[in-house]
Amino acid sequence: MKSFGSPKGPFAILDIIGINTVYNVAKLHAEVNPMMARIMERLEQEYINQNKLGLPTGQGFYNYPNPAYEAADFLK
């Protein structure tokens, strides 16, 4: 967030897009990329299977409606 001057970091953006959307897109590459397959497995176990899909479900990498990245002291 600091280095790019972005109001939201990569995990907040994933929450907004929806972790299930990211999962479905990345799944296309999991067959040819072993690292992607491990990431996909972890996303599935820790987020998809627990219905932590991001903003649409109120929980993902952050909790909504008051995600930690919106706090004034988040990057301190």
PDB file of N, CA and C in Angstrom:
ATOM      1  N   MET A   1       0.831  -1.187   0.000  1.00  0.00           N
ATOM      2  CA  MET A   1       0.000   0.000   0.000  1.00  0.00           C
ATOM      3  C   MET A   1       0.874   1.247   0.000  1.00  0.00           C
ATOM      4  N   LYS A   2       1.897   1.238   0.842  1.00  0.00           N
ATOM      5  CA  LYS A   2       2.766   2.412   0.923  1.00  0.00           C
ATOM      6  C   LYS A   2       3.585   2.600  -0.341  1.00  0.00           C
ATOM      7  N   SER A   3       4.203   1.532  -0.817  1.00  0.00           N
ATOM      8  CA  SER A   3       5.122   1.674  -1.945  1.00  0.00           C
ATOM      9  C   SER A   3       4.417   2.093  -3.231  1.00  0.00           C
ATOM     10  N   PHE A   4       3.159   1.713  -3.399  1.00  0.00           N
ATOM     11  CA  PHE A   4       2.433   2.088  -4.601  1.00  0.00           C
ATOM     12  C   PHE A   4       1.427   3.212  -4.383  1.00  0.00           C
ATOM     13  N   GLY A   5       1.287   3.652  -3.137  1.00  0.00           N
ATOM     14  CA  GLY A   5       0.329   4.710  -2.841  1.00  0.00           C
ATOM     15  C   GLY A   5      -1.112   4.271  -3.063  1.00  0.00           C
ATOM     16  N   SER A   6      -1.357   2.996  -2.889  1.00  0.00           N
ATOM     17  CA  SER A   6      -2.690   2.441  -3.110  1.00  0.00           C
ATOM     18  C   SER A   6      -3.500   2.492  -1.821  1.00  0.00           C
ATOM     19  N   PRO A   7      -4.780   2.815  -1.894  1.00  0.00           N
ATOM     20  CA  PRO A   7      -5.607   2.816  -0.687  1.00  0.00           C
ATOM     21  C   PRO A   7      -5.904   1.407  -0.171  1.00  0.00           C
ATOM     22  N   LYS A   8      -5.691   0.408  -1.028  1.00  0.00           N
ATOM     23  CA  LYS A   8      -5.940  -0.976  -0.632  1.00  0.00           C
ATOM     24  C   LYS A   8      -4.772  -1.842  -1.105  1.00  0.00           C
ATOM     25  N   GLY A   9      -4.425  -2.817  -0.289  1.00  0.00           N
ATOM     26  CA  GLY A   9      -3.354  -3.731  -0.640  1.00  0.00           C
ATOM     27  C   GLY A   9      -3.878  -4.933  -1.414  1.00  0.00           C
ATOM     28  N   PRO A  10      -3.003  -5.851  -1.761  1.00  0.00           N
ATOM     29  CA  PRO A  10      -3.413  -6.986  -2.594  1.00  0.00           C
ATOM     30  C   PRO A  10      -4.462  -7.893  -1.944  1.00  0.00           C
ATOM     31  N   PHE A  11      -4.383  -8.105  -0.637  1.00  0.00           N
ATOM     32  CA  PHE A  11      -5.368  -8.981  -0.003  1.00  0.00           C
ATOM     33  C   PHE A  11      -6.735  -8.315   0.087  1.00  0.00           C
ATOM     34  N   ALA A  12      -6.769  -7.009   0.275  1.00  0.00           N
ATOM     35  CA  ALA A  12      -8.047  -6.288   0.260  1.00  0.00           C
ATOM     36  C   ALA A  12      -8.667  -6.360  -1.131  1.00  0.00           C
ATOM     37  N   ILE A  13      -7.836  -6.235  -2.152  1.00  0.00           N
ATOM     38  CA  ILE A  13      -8.345  -6.317  -3.527  1.00  0.00           C
ATOM     39  C   ILE A  13      -8.898  -7.720  -3.802  1.00  0.00           C
ATOM     40  N   LEU A  14      -8.209  -8.749  -3.318  1.00  0.00           N
ATOM     41  CA  LEU A  14      -8.723 -10.118  -3.483  1.00  0.00           C
ATOM     42  C   LEU A  14     -10.068 -10.276  -2.783  1.00  0.00           C
ATOM     43  N   ASP A  15     -10.214  -9.687  -1.603  1.00  0.00           N
ATOM     44  CA  ASP A  15     -11.495  -9.741  -0.889  1.00  0.00           C
ATOM     45  C   ASP A  15     -12.592  -9.057  -1.701  1.00  0.00           C
ATOM     46  N   ILE A  16     -12.281  -7.938  -2.305  1.00  0.00           N
ATOM     47  CA  ILE A  16     -13.279  -7.195  -3.085  1.00  0.00           C
ATOM     48  C   ILE A  16     -13.680  -7.984  -4.324  1.00  0.00           C
ATOM     49  N   ILE A  17     -12.697  -8.538  -5.015  1.00  0.00           N
ATOM     50  CA  ILE A  17     -12.981  -9.343  -6.208  1.00  0.00           C
ATOM     51  C   ILE A  17     -13.772 -10.586  -5.825  1.00  0.00           C
ATOM     52  N   GLY A  18     -13.417 -11.154  -4.696  1.00  0.00           N
ATOM     53  CA  GLY A  18     -14.026 -12.395  -4.227  1.00  0.00           C
ATOM     54  C   GLY A  18     -12.998 -13.511  -4.327  1.00  0.00           C
ATOM     55  N   ILE A  19     -12.699 -14.139  -3.211  1.00  0.00           N
ATOM     56  CA  ILE A  19     -11.680 -15.178  -3.181  1.00  0.00           C
ATOM     57  C   ILE A  19     -12.071 -16.341  -4.088  1.00  0.00           C
ATOM     58  N   ASN A  20     -13.353 -16.614  -4.197  1.00  0.00           N
ATOM     59  CA  ASN A  20     -13.793 -17.690  -5.093  1.00  0.00           C
ATOM     60  C   ASN A  20     -13.511 -17.358  -6.554  1.00  0.00           C
ATOM     61  N   THR A  21     -13.616 -16.099  -6.931  1.00  0.00           N
ATOM     62  CA  THR A  21     -13.302 -15.678  -8.301  1.00  0.00           C
ATOM     63  C   THR A  21     -11.824 -15.882  -8.583  1.00  0.00           C
ATOM     64  N   VAL A  22     -10.981 -15.440  -7.661  1.00  0.00           N
ATOM     65  CA  VAL A  22      -9.545 -15.617  -7.802  1.00  0.00           C
ATOM     66  C   VAL A  22      -9.211 -17.101  -7.883  1.00  0.00           C
ATOM     67  N   TYR A  23      -9.830 -17.885  -7.047  1.00  0.00           N
ATOM     68  CA  TYR A  23      -9.616 -19.333  -7.032  1.00  0.00           C
ATOM     69  C   TYR A  23      -9.959 -19.945  -8.387  1.00  0.00           C
ATOM     70  N   ASN A  24     -11.110 -19.599  -8.925  1.00  0.00           N
ATOM     71  CA  ASN A  24     -11.547 -20.172 -10.204  1.00  0.00           C
ATOM     72  C   ASN A  24     -10.634 -19.777 -11.363  1.00  0.00           C
ATOM     73  N   VAL A  25     -10.154 -18.562 -11.367  1.00  0.00           N
ATOM     74  CA  VAL A  25      -9.231 -18.118 -12.415  1.00  0.00           C
ATOM     75  C   VAL A  25      -7.888 -18.825 -12.264  1.00  0.00           C
ATOM     76  N   ALA A  26      -7.372 -18.868 -11.045  1.00  0.00           N
ATOM     77  CA  ALA A  26      -6.067 -19.487 -10.798  1.00  0.00           C
ATOM     78  C   ALA A  26      -6.091 -20.988 -11.040  1.00  0.00           C
ATOM     79  N   LYS A  27      -7.249 -21.595 -10.859  1.00  0.00           N
ATOM     80  CA  LYS A  27      -7.377 -23.036 -11.062  1.00  0.00           C
ATOM     81  C   LYS A  27      -6.992 -23.433 -12.493  1.00  0.00           C
ATOM     82  N   LEU A  28      -7.150 -22.529 -13.412  1.00  0.00           N
ATOM     83  CA  LEU A  28      -6.790 -22.790 -14.803  1.00  0.00           C
ATOM     84  C   LEU A  28      -5.288 -23.032 -14.954  1.00  0.00           C
ATOM     85  N   HIS A  29      -4.482 -22.469 -14.055  1.00  0.00           N
ATOM     86  CA  HIS A  29      -3.028 -22.580 -14.149  1.00  0.00           C
ATOM     87  C   HIS A  29      -2.447 -23.622 -13.200  1.00  0.00           C
ATOM     88  N   ALA A  30      -3.241 -24.176 -12.338  1.00  0.00           N
ATOM     89  CA  ALA A  30      -2.740 -25.090 -11.310  1.00  0.00           C
ATOM     90  C   ALA A  30      -2.156 -26.366 -11.904  1.00  0.00           C
ATOM     91  N   GLU A  31      -2.672 -26.801 -13.036  1.00  0.00           N
ATOM     92  CA  GLU A  31      -2.170 -28.033 -13.640  1.00  0.00           C
ATOM     93  C   GLU A  31      -0.724 -27.914 -14.109  1.00  0.00           C
ATOM     94  N   VAL A  32      -0.328 -26.742 -14.562  1.00  0.00           N
ATOM     95  CA  VAL A  32       1.021 -26.563 -15.114  1.00  0.00           C
ATOM     96  C   VAL A  32       1.990 -25.909 -14.133  1.00  0.00           C
ATOM     97  N   ASN A  33       1.487 -25.468 -12.999  1.00  0.00           N
ATOM     98  CA  ASN A  33       2.336 -24.763 -12.049  1.00  0.00           C
ATOM     99  C   ASN A  33       2.157 -25.368 -10.649  1.00  0.00           C
ATOM    100  N   PRO A  34       3.135 -26.157 -10.184  1.00  0.00           N
ATOM    101  CA  PRO A  34       3.009 -26.795  -8.863  1.00  0.00           C
ATOM    102  C   PRO A  34       2.830 -25.803  -7.716  1.00  0.00           C
ATOM    103  N   MET A  35       3.470 -24.649  -7.796  1.00  0.00           N
ATOM    104  CA  MET A  35       3.322 -23.632  -6.749  1.00  0.00           C
ATOM    105  C   MET A  35       1.874 -23.140  -6.705  1.00  0.00           C
ATOM    106  N   MET A  36       1.284 -22.934  -7.868  1.00  0.00           N
ATOM    107  CA  MET A  36      -0.103 -22.482  -7.931  1.00  0.00           C
ATOM    108  C   MET A  36      -1.028 -23.543  -7.339  1.00  0.00           C
ATOM    109  N   ALA A  37      -0.732 -24.799  -7.580  1.00  0.00           N
ATOM    110  CA  ALA A  37      -1.552 -25.882  -7.028  1.00  0.00           C
ATOM    111  C   ALA A  37      -1.540 -25.845  -5.502  1.00  0.00           C
ATOM    112  N   ARG A  38      -0.383 -25.557  -4.902  1.00  0.00           N
ATOM    113  CA  ARG A  38      -0.303 -25.469  -3.429  1.00  0.00           C
ATOM    114  C   ARG A  38      -1.085 -24.261  -2.913  1.00  0.00           C
ATOM    115  N   ILE A  39      -0.986 -23.162  -3.611  1.00  0.00           N
ATOM    116  CA  ILE A  39      -1.742 -21.967  -3.218  1.00  0.00           C
ATOM    117  C   ILE A  39      -3.236 -22.245  -3.311  1.00  0.00           C
ATOM    118  N   MET A  40      -3.630 -22.906  -4.386  1.00  0.00           N
ATOM    119  CA  MET A  40      -5.045 -23.217  -4.583  1.00  0.00           C
ATOM    120  C   MET A  40      -5.573 -24.117  -3.460  1.00  0.00           C
ATOM    121  N   GLU A  41      -4.781 -25.097  -3.084  1.00  0.00           N
ATOM    122  CA  GLU A  41      -5.184 -26.011  -2.009  1.00  0.00           C
ATOM    123  C   GLU A  41      -5.395 -25.249  -0.706  1.00  0.00           C
ATOM    124  N   ARG A  42      -4.489 -24.347  -0.412  1.00  0.00           N
ATOM    125  CA  ARG A  42      -4.615 -23.567   0.830  1.00  0.00           C
ATOM    126  C   ARG A  42      -5.825 -22.631   0.776  1.00  0.00           C
ATOM    127  N   LEU A  43      -6.030 -21.966  -0.359  1.00  0.00           N
ATOM    128  CA  LEU A  43      -7.212 -21.104  -0.496  1.00  0.00           C
ATOM    129  C   LEU A  43      -8.492 -21.915  -0.309  1.00  0.00           C
ATOM    130  N   GLU A  44      -8.514 -23.091  -0.895  1.00  0.00           N
ATOM    131  CA  GLU A  44      -9.707 -23.925  -0.788  1.00  0.00           C
ATOM    132  C   GLU A  44      -9.963 -24.340   0.661  1.00  0.00           C
ATOM    133  N   GLN A  45      -8.922 -24.805   1.356  1.00  0.00           N
ATOM    134  CA  GLN A  45      -9.079 -25.284   2.727  1.00  0.00           C
ATOM    135  C   GLN A  45      -9.411 -24.164   3.713  1.00  0.00           C
ATOM    136  N   GLU A  46      -8.682 -23.058   3.610  1.00  0.00           N
ATOM    137  CA  GLU A  46      -8.798 -22.012   4.629  1.00  0.00           C
ATOM    138  C   GLU A  46      -9.846 -20.940   4.329  1.00  0.00           C
ATOM    139  N   TYR A  47     -10.280 -20.848   3.087  1.00  0.00           N
ATOM    140  CA  TYR A  47     -11.229 -19.778   2.744  1.00  0.00           C
ATOM    141  C   TYR A  47     -12.485 -20.309   2.043  1.00  0.00           C
ATOM    142  N   ILE A  48     -12.337 -20.978   0.932  1.00  0.00           N
ATOM    143  CA  ILE A  48     -13.496 -21.436   0.163  1.00  0.00           C
ATOM    144  C   ILE A  48     -14.365 -22.387   0.992  1.00  0.00           C
ATOM    145  N   ASN A  49     -13.762 -23.425   1.557  1.00  0.00           N
ATOM    146  CA  ASN A  49     -14.529 -24.418   2.327  1.00  0.00           C
ATOM    147  C   ASN A  49     -15.142 -23.837   3.595  1.00  0.00           C
ATOM    148  N   GLN A  50     -14.618 -22.732   4.078  1.00  0.00           N
ATOM    149  CA  GLN A  50     -15.148 -22.098   5.291  1.00  0.00           C
ATOM    150  C   GLN A  50     -16.046 -20.901   4.967  1.00  0.00           C
ATOM    151  N   ASN A  51     -16.379 -20.769   3.690  1.00  0.00           N
ATOM    152  CA  ASN A  51     -17.235 -19.681   3.202  1.00  0.00           C
ATOM    153  C   ASN A  51     -16.689 -18.291   3.552  1.00  0.00           C
ATOM    154  N   LYS A  52     -15.391 -18.179   3.552  1.00  0.00           N
ATOM    155  CA  LYS A  52     -14.728 -16.886   3.751  1.00  0.00           C
ATOM    156  C   LYS A  52     -14.318 -16.396   2.371  1.00  0.00           C
ATOM    157  N   LEU A  53     -15.264 -15.812   1.668  1.00  0.00           N
ATOM    158  CA  LEU A  53     -15.062 -15.455   0.271  1.00  0.00           C
ATOM    159  C   LEU A  53     -14.733 -13.984   0.075  1.00  0.00           C
ATOM    160  N   GLY A  54     -14.579 -13.255   1.150  1.00  0.00           N
ATOM    161  CA  GLY A  54     -14.266 -11.835   1.047  1.00  0.00           C
ATOM    162  C   GLY A  54     -15.481 -10.968   1.326  1.00  0.00           C
ATOM    163  N   LEU A  55     -15.504  -9.837   0.699  1.00  0.00           N
ATOM    164  CA  LEU A  55     -16.567  -8.851   0.911  1.00  0.00           C
ATOM    165  C   LEU A  55     -17.977  -9.436   0.741  1.00  0.00           C
ATOM    166  N   PRO A  56     -18.232 -10.288  -0.253  1.00  0.00           N
ATOM    167  CA  PRO A  56     -19.593 -10.822  -0.407  1.00  0.00           C
ATOM    168  C   PRO A  56     -20.120 -11.593   0.803  1.00  0.00           C
ATOM    169  N   THR A  57     -19.229 -12.238   1.571  1.00  0.00           N
ATOM    170  CA  THR A  57     -19.689 -13.019   2.728  1.00  0.00           C
ATOM    171  C   THR A  57     -19.355 -12.346   4.057  1.00  0.00           C
ATOM    172  N   GLY A  58     -18.679 -11.199   4.010  1.00  0.00           N
ATOM    173  CA  GLY A  58     -18.350 -10.471   5.229  1.00  0.00           C
ATOM    174  C   GLY A  58     -17.054 -10.898   5.886  1.00  0.00           C
ATOM    175  N   GLN A  59     -16.398 -11.905   5.320  1.00  0.00           N
ATOM    176  CA  GLN A  59     -15.129 -12.357   5.876  1.00  0.00           C
ATOM    177  C   GLN A  59     -14.294 -12.988   4.773  1.00  0.00           C
ATOM    178  N   GLY A  60     -13.021 -12.654   4.790  1.00  0.00           N
ATOM    179  CA  GLY A  60     -12.048 -13.213   3.855  1.00  0.00           C
ATOM    180  C   GLY A  60     -10.696 -13.049   4.508  1.00  0.00           C
ATOM    181  N   PHE A  61      -9.812 -12.329   3.864  1.00  0.00           N
ATOM    182  CA  PHE A  61      -8.543 -11.993   4.505  1.00  0.00           C
ATOM    183  C   PHE A  61      -8.783 -10.974   5.619  1.00  0.00           C
ATOM    184  N   TYR A  62      -9.856 -10.209   5.485  1.00  0.00           N
ATOM    185  CA  TYR A  62     -10.272  -9.227   6.487  1.00  0.00           C
ATOM    186  C   TYR A  62     -11.731  -9.472   6.837  1.00  0.00           C
ATOM    187  N   ASN A  63     -12.184  -8.847   7.926  1.00  0.00           N
ATOM    188  CA  ASN A  63     -13.588  -8.925   8.330  1.00  0.00           C
ATOM    189  C   ASN A  63     -14.287  -7.637   7.923  1.00  0.00           C
ATOM    190  N   TYR A  64     -15.513  -7.757   7.462  1.00  0.00           N
ATOM    191  CA  TYR A  64     -16.297  -6.611   7.003  1.00  0.00           C
ATOM    192  C   TYR A  64     -17.560  -6.501   7.833  1.00  0.00           C
ATOM    193  N   PRO A  65     -18.035  -5.295   8.053  1.00  0.00           N
ATOM    194  CA  PRO A  65     -17.877  -4.087   7.274  1.00  0.00           C
ATOM    195  C   PRO A  65     -16.715  -3.184   7.690  1.00  0.00           C
ATOM    196  N   ASN A  66     -15.958  -3.520   8.688  1.00  0.00           N
ATOM    197  CA  ASN A  66     -14.868  -2.649   9.155  1.00  0.00           C
ATOM    198  C   ASN A  66     -13.509  -3.341   9.020  1.00  0.00           C
ATOM    199  N   PRO A  67     -12.996  -3.457   7.802  1.00  0.00           N
ATOM    200  CA  PRO A  67     -11.715  -4.147   7.630  1.00  0.00           C
ATOM    201  C   PRO A  67     -10.568  -3.383   8.272  1.00  0.00           C
ATOM    202  N   ALA A  68      -9.595  -4.113   8.752  1.00  0.00           N
ATOM    203  CA  ALA A  68      -8.457  -3.510   9.462  1.00  0.00           C
ATOM    204  C   ALA A  68      -7.710  -2.490   8.609  1.00  0.00           C
ATOM    205  N   TYR A  69      -7.647  -2.693   7.291  1.00  0.00           N
ATOM    206  CA  TYR A  69      -6.882  -1.768   6.447  1.00  0.00           C
ATOM    207  C   TYR A  69      -7.492  -0.372   6.369  1.00  0.00           C
ATOM    208  N   GLU A  70      -8.709  -0.202   6.819  1.00  0.00           N
ATOM    209  CA  GLU A  70      -9.317   1.132   6.829  1.00  0.00           C
ATOM    210  C   GLU A  70      -8.974   1.932   8.078  1.00  0.00           C
ATOM    211  N   ALA A  71      -8.361   1.288   9.069  1.00  0.00           N
ATOM    212  CA  ALA A  71      -7.977   1.991  10.295  1.00  0.00           C
ATOM    213  C   ALA A  71      -6.823   2.936  10.005  1.00  0.00           C
ATOM    214  N   ALA A  72      -6.843   4.103  10.613  1.00  0.00           N
ATOM    215  CA  ALA A  72      -5.823   5.128  10.374  1.00  0.00           C
ATOM    216  C   ALA A  72      -4.417   4.630  10.703  1.00  0.00           C
ATOM    217  N   ASP A  73      -4.294   3.762  11.683  1.00  0.00           N
ATOM    218  CA  ASP A  73      -2.967   3.293  12.106  1.00  0.00           C
ATOM    219  C   ASP A  73      -2.600   1.920  11.536  1.00  0.00           C
ATOM    220  N   PHE A  74      -3.265   1.481  10.482  1.00  0.00           N
ATOM    221  CA  PHE A  74      -3.046   0.143   9.931  1.00  0.00           C
ATOM    222  C   PHE A  74      -1.592  -0.103   9.522  1.00  0.00           C
ATOM    223  N   LEU A  75      -0.949   0.848   8.915  1.00  0.00           N
ATOM    224  CA  LEU A  75       0.416   0.657   8.427  1.00  0.00           C
ATOM    225  C   LEU A  75       1.484   1.140   9.391  1.00  0.00           C
ATOM    226  N   LYS A  76       1.120   1.431  10.613  1.00  0.00           N
ATOM    227  CA  LYS A  76       2.102   1.921  11.579  1.00  0.00           C
ATOM    228  C   LYS A  76       2.686   0.794  12.372  1.00  0.00           C
TER     229      LYS A  76
END
